[in-house]
Amino acid sequence: MIRLTPTAETVKVTFALPLGQMSSRCSVVGDFNEWRPGTHELRRRTNGTRSASVTVPRGSRIRFRYLAEDGHWFNDPDVYDLDGSDAVLIV
């Protein structure tokens, strides 16, 4: 699930996955963090999800994927726009 929280100039993008989807650690990796694993690790929340947030300029086009601790790459199940194997959001 992706949640967008816009302001006048930026958008806070919150990436969230159900706790049961991955048993290992997981991070969201994309052009907003130079594709560096672990920079935005999804943290356990009390609402039954894991999530991480980034803030980007309004109107940005971001490419991203999730990376599990075991090296498994996967896309957000709710994002259908792709650029190659990467999910794409325009915020």
N, C-alpha and C. Protein backbone atom coordinates (compact mmCIF):
# COMPACT_ATOMS: atom_id res chain seq x y z
N MET A 1 0.84 -1.16 0.00
CA MET A 1 0.00 0.00 0.00
C MET A 1 0.90 1.24 0.00
N ILE A 2 0.52 2.22 -0.77
CA ILE A 2 1.23 3.48 -0.84
C ILE A 2 0.29 4.58 -0.36
N ARG A 3 0.78 5.43 0.54
CA ARG A 3 -0.01 6.57 1.00
C ARG A 3 0.76 7.84 0.66
N LEU A 4 0.07 8.80 0.03
CA LEU A 4 0.68 10.07 -0.35
C LEU A 4 0.12 11.18 0.54
N THR A 5 1.03 12.00 1.10
CA THR A 5 0.64 13.13 1.92
C THR A 5 1.28 14.37 1.31
N PRO A 6 0.52 15.11 0.49
CA PRO A 6 1.09 16.27 -0.19
C PRO A 6 1.10 17.53 0.66
N THR A 7 2.09 18.37 0.41
CA THR A 7 2.12 19.74 0.91
C THR A 7 2.23 20.63 -0.32
N ALA A 8 2.45 21.90 -0.14
CA ALA A 8 2.52 22.82 -1.28
C ALA A 8 3.65 22.45 -2.25
N GLU A 9 4.79 22.02 -1.73
CA GLU A 9 5.95 21.78 -2.58
C GLU A 9 6.46 20.35 -2.58
N THR A 10 6.06 19.55 -1.59
CA THR A 10 6.58 18.19 -1.48
C THR A 10 5.44 17.19 -1.30
N VAL A 11 5.81 15.92 -1.40
CA VAL A 11 4.88 14.84 -1.11
C VAL A 11 5.61 13.82 -0.24
N LYS A 12 5.00 13.48 0.89
CA LYS A 12 5.52 12.40 1.73
C LYS A 12 4.91 11.12 1.19
N VAL A 13 5.77 10.19 0.78
CA VAL A 13 5.34 8.90 0.24
C VAL A 13 5.61 7.85 1.30
N THR A 14 4.55 7.18 1.77
CA THR A 14 4.70 6.13 2.77
C THR A 14 4.47 4.79 2.09
N PHE A 15 5.48 3.95 2.14
CA PHE A 15 5.43 2.60 1.58
C PHE A 15 5.09 1.66 2.72
N ALA A 16 4.07 0.83 2.57
CA ALA A 16 3.66 -0.07 3.65
C ALA A 16 3.33 -1.45 3.10
N LEU A 17 3.70 -2.47 3.85
CA LEU A 17 3.39 -3.86 3.53
C LEU A 17 2.83 -4.54 4.77
N PRO A 18 1.93 -5.51 4.60
CA PRO A 18 1.45 -6.27 5.76
C PRO A 18 2.61 -7.01 6.44
N LEU A 19 2.56 -7.11 7.77
CA LEU A 19 3.62 -7.80 8.51
C LEU A 19 3.83 -9.22 8.01
N GLY A 20 2.76 -9.90 7.67
CA GLY A 20 2.86 -11.30 7.25
C GLY A 20 3.42 -11.51 5.87
N GLN A 21 3.58 -10.44 5.07
CA GLN A 21 4.06 -10.61 3.70
C GLN A 21 5.51 -11.05 3.65
N MET A 22 6.34 -10.54 4.56
CA MET A 22 7.76 -10.90 4.59
C MET A 22 8.15 -11.24 6.02
N SER A 23 8.82 -12.35 6.21
CA SER A 23 9.26 -12.72 7.55
C SER A 23 10.62 -12.14 7.89
N SER A 24 11.37 -11.71 6.86
CA SER A 24 12.69 -11.14 7.09
C SER A 24 12.63 -9.62 6.97
N ARG A 25 13.76 -8.98 7.24
CA ARG A 25 13.85 -7.54 7.07
C ARG A 25 13.65 -7.18 5.61
N CYS A 26 13.17 -5.95 5.38
CA CYS A 26 12.86 -5.52 4.02
C CYS A 26 13.06 -4.01 3.94
N SER A 27 13.54 -3.53 2.80
CA SER A 27 13.66 -2.09 2.61
C SER A 27 13.08 -1.70 1.26
N VAL A 28 12.71 -0.43 1.16
CA VAL A 28 12.26 0.11 -0.12
C VAL A 28 13.48 0.81 -0.72
N VAL A 29 13.75 0.49 -1.97
CA VAL A 29 14.96 0.95 -2.64
C VAL A 29 14.55 1.59 -3.96
N GLY A 30 15.07 2.77 -4.25
CA GLY A 30 14.69 3.42 -5.49
C GLY A 30 15.59 4.57 -5.85
N ASP A 31 15.17 5.30 -6.88
CA ASP A 31 16.00 6.42 -7.33
C ASP A 31 16.05 7.54 -6.29
N PHE A 32 15.11 7.58 -5.34
CA PHE A 32 15.10 8.59 -4.28
C PHE A 32 16.17 8.35 -3.23
N ASN A 33 16.74 7.14 -3.17
CA ASN A 33 17.84 6.85 -2.23
C ASN A 33 19.03 6.21 -2.93
N GLU A 34 19.14 6.50 -4.24
CA GLU A 34 20.26 6.01 -5.06
C GLU A 34 20.38 4.49 -5.04
N TRP A 35 19.24 3.81 -4.87
CA TRP A 35 19.16 2.35 -4.90
C TRP A 35 20.05 1.70 -3.84
N ARG A 36 20.16 2.35 -2.68
CA ARG A 36 20.98 1.81 -1.58
C ARG A 36 20.12 0.99 -0.63
N PRO A 37 20.29 -0.33 -0.59
CA PRO A 37 19.54 -1.18 0.33
C PRO A 37 19.78 -0.77 1.78
N GLY A 38 18.74 -0.86 2.59
CA GLY A 38 18.84 -0.57 4.01
C GLY A 38 18.66 0.88 4.37
N THR A 39 18.72 1.79 3.40
CA THR A 39 18.55 3.21 3.70
C THR A 39 17.16 3.50 4.23
N HIS A 40 16.14 2.88 3.64
CA HIS A 40 14.76 3.06 4.08
C HIS A 40 14.16 1.69 4.41
N GLU A 41 14.57 1.15 5.55
CA GLU A 41 14.06 -0.14 5.99
C GLU A 41 12.62 0.01 6.48
N LEU A 42 11.78 -0.93 6.10
CA LEU A 42 10.40 -0.91 6.55
C LEU A 42 10.37 -1.37 8.00
N ARG A 43 9.85 -0.53 8.88
CA ARG A 43 9.81 -0.80 10.32
C ARG A 43 8.43 -1.28 10.73
N ARG A 44 8.42 -2.15 11.70
CA ARG A 44 7.17 -2.71 12.23
C ARG A 44 6.35 -1.61 12.90
N ARG A 45 5.05 -1.58 12.58
CA ARG A 45 4.10 -0.61 13.15
C ARG A 45 3.03 -1.34 13.95
N THR A 46 2.39 -0.63 14.85
CA THR A 46 1.36 -1.24 15.69
C THR A 46 0.09 -1.57 14.92
N ASN A 47 -0.08 -1.02 13.72
CA ASN A 47 -1.29 -1.27 12.94
C ASN A 47 -1.20 -2.53 12.07
N GLY A 48 -0.17 -3.35 12.30
CA GLY A 48 -0.05 -4.60 11.55
C GLY A 48 0.67 -4.48 10.22
N THR A 49 1.41 -3.40 10.03
CA THR A 49 2.18 -3.22 8.80
C THR A 49 3.63 -2.94 9.13
N ARG A 50 4.42 -2.94 8.09
CA ARG A 50 5.79 -2.41 8.12
C ARG A 50 5.77 -1.24 7.16
N SER A 51 6.45 -0.14 7.51
CA SER A 51 6.42 1.00 6.60
C SER A 51 7.69 1.83 6.71
N ALA A 52 7.89 2.62 5.67
CA ALA A 52 8.97 3.61 5.61
C ALA A 52 8.45 4.76 4.75
N SER A 53 8.94 5.96 5.03
CA SER A 53 8.48 7.13 4.29
C SER A 53 9.66 7.90 3.71
N VAL A 54 9.41 8.53 2.57
CA VAL A 54 10.37 9.44 1.95
C VAL A 54 9.61 10.70 1.55
N THR A 55 10.30 11.81 1.49
CA THR A 55 9.69 13.06 1.02
C THR A 55 10.40 13.47 -0.26
N VAL A 56 9.61 13.72 -1.29
CA VAL A 56 10.14 14.09 -2.60
C VAL A 56 9.43 15.35 -3.10
N PRO A 57 10.04 16.06 -4.05
CA PRO A 57 9.36 17.23 -4.61
C PRO A 57 8.06 16.84 -5.30
N ARG A 58 7.06 17.68 -5.18
CA ARG A 58 5.77 17.46 -5.84
C ARG A 58 5.99 17.36 -7.35
N GLY A 59 5.31 16.41 -7.99
CA GLY A 59 5.46 16.20 -9.43
C GLY A 59 6.57 15.23 -9.80
N SER A 60 7.25 14.67 -8.80
CA SER A 60 8.35 13.74 -9.07
C SER A 60 7.85 12.43 -9.65
N ARG A 61 8.67 11.83 -10.47
CA ARG A 61 8.46 10.47 -10.97
C ARG A 61 9.49 9.60 -10.27
N ILE A 62 9.04 8.66 -9.46
CA ILE A 62 9.99 7.83 -8.72
C ILE A 62 9.87 6.38 -9.15
N ARG A 63 11.02 5.73 -9.23
CA ARG A 63 11.10 4.29 -9.52
C ARG A 63 11.57 3.62 -8.24
N PHE A 64 10.98 2.46 -7.95
CA PHE A 64 11.36 1.76 -6.71
C PHE A 64 11.01 0.28 -6.80
N ARG A 65 11.57 -0.46 -5.86
CA ARG A 65 11.24 -1.87 -5.62
C ARG A 65 11.51 -2.13 -4.15
N TYR A 66 11.02 -3.26 -3.67
CA TYR A 66 11.33 -3.71 -2.32
C TYR A 66 12.43 -4.75 -2.40
N LEU A 67 13.29 -4.78 -1.39
CA LEU A 67 14.37 -5.77 -1.32
C LEU A 67 14.32 -6.43 0.05
N ALA A 68 14.06 -7.74 0.04
CA ALA A 68 14.06 -8.51 1.28
C ALA A 68 15.49 -8.85 1.68
N GLU A 69 15.65 -9.17 2.94
CA GLU A 69 16.97 -9.49 3.50
C GLU A 69 17.65 -10.64 2.77
N ASP A 70 16.86 -11.57 2.23
CA ASP A 70 17.43 -12.72 1.54
C ASP A 70 17.81 -12.42 0.08
N GLY A 71 17.73 -11.14 -0.33
CA GLY A 71 18.09 -10.76 -1.69
C GLY A 71 16.95 -10.83 -2.69
N HIS A 72 15.74 -11.12 -2.21
CA HIS A 72 14.57 -11.23 -3.08
C HIS A 72 14.01 -9.83 -3.38
N TRP A 73 13.99 -9.44 -4.66
CA TRP A 73 13.41 -8.17 -5.11
C TRP A 73 11.95 -8.41 -5.48
N PHE A 74 11.07 -7.45 -5.14
CA PHE A 74 9.67 -7.56 -5.55
C PHE A 74 9.03 -6.18 -5.60
N ASN A 75 7.93 -6.09 -6.33
CA ASN A 75 7.22 -4.82 -6.50
C ASN A 75 6.04 -4.73 -5.55
N ASP A 76 5.56 -3.52 -5.35
CA ASP A 76 4.38 -3.29 -4.53
C ASP A 76 3.18 -3.89 -5.25
N PRO A 77 2.37 -4.69 -4.57
CA PRO A 77 1.24 -5.33 -5.23
C PRO A 77 0.15 -4.36 -5.70
N ASP A 78 0.18 -3.12 -5.22
CA ASP A 78 -0.85 -2.14 -5.59
C ASP A 78 -0.39 -1.16 -6.66
N VAL A 79 0.84 -1.28 -7.15
CA VAL A 79 1.35 -0.37 -8.17
C VAL A 79 1.50 -1.15 -9.47
N TYR A 80 0.80 -0.68 -10.51
CA TYR A 80 0.76 -1.40 -11.77
C TYR A 80 1.60 -0.76 -12.87
N ASP A 81 2.06 0.48 -12.68
CA ASP A 81 2.90 1.13 -13.68
C ASP A 81 4.33 0.69 -13.48
N LEU A 82 4.94 0.18 -14.55
CA LEU A 82 6.30 -0.33 -14.48
C LEU A 82 7.20 0.36 -15.49
N ASP A 83 8.48 0.45 -15.15
CA ASP A 83 9.53 0.87 -16.06
C ASP A 83 10.55 -0.25 -16.02
N GLY A 84 10.49 -1.15 -16.98
CA GLY A 84 11.26 -2.38 -16.89
C GLY A 84 10.69 -3.20 -15.75
N SER A 85 11.53 -3.57 -14.80
CA SER A 85 11.06 -4.34 -13.66
C SER A 85 10.75 -3.47 -12.45
N ASP A 86 10.93 -2.16 -12.56
CA ASP A 86 10.73 -1.23 -11.44
C ASP A 86 9.32 -0.67 -11.44
N ALA A 87 8.74 -0.54 -10.25
CA ALA A 87 7.45 0.14 -10.10
C ALA A 87 7.68 1.64 -10.25
N VAL A 88 6.66 2.35 -10.77
CA VAL A 88 6.76 3.78 -11.00
C VAL A 88 5.58 4.50 -10.37
N LEU A 89 5.88 5.58 -9.67
CA LEU A 89 4.85 6.47 -9.12
C LEU A 89 5.14 7.89 -9.59
N ILE A 90 4.10 8.61 -9.95
CA ILE A 90 4.24 10.04 -10.21
C ILE A 90 3.45 10.73 -9.11
N VAL A 91 4.16 11.54 -8.33
CA VAL A 91 3.54 12.17 -7.16
C VAL A 91 3.40 13.65 -7.40
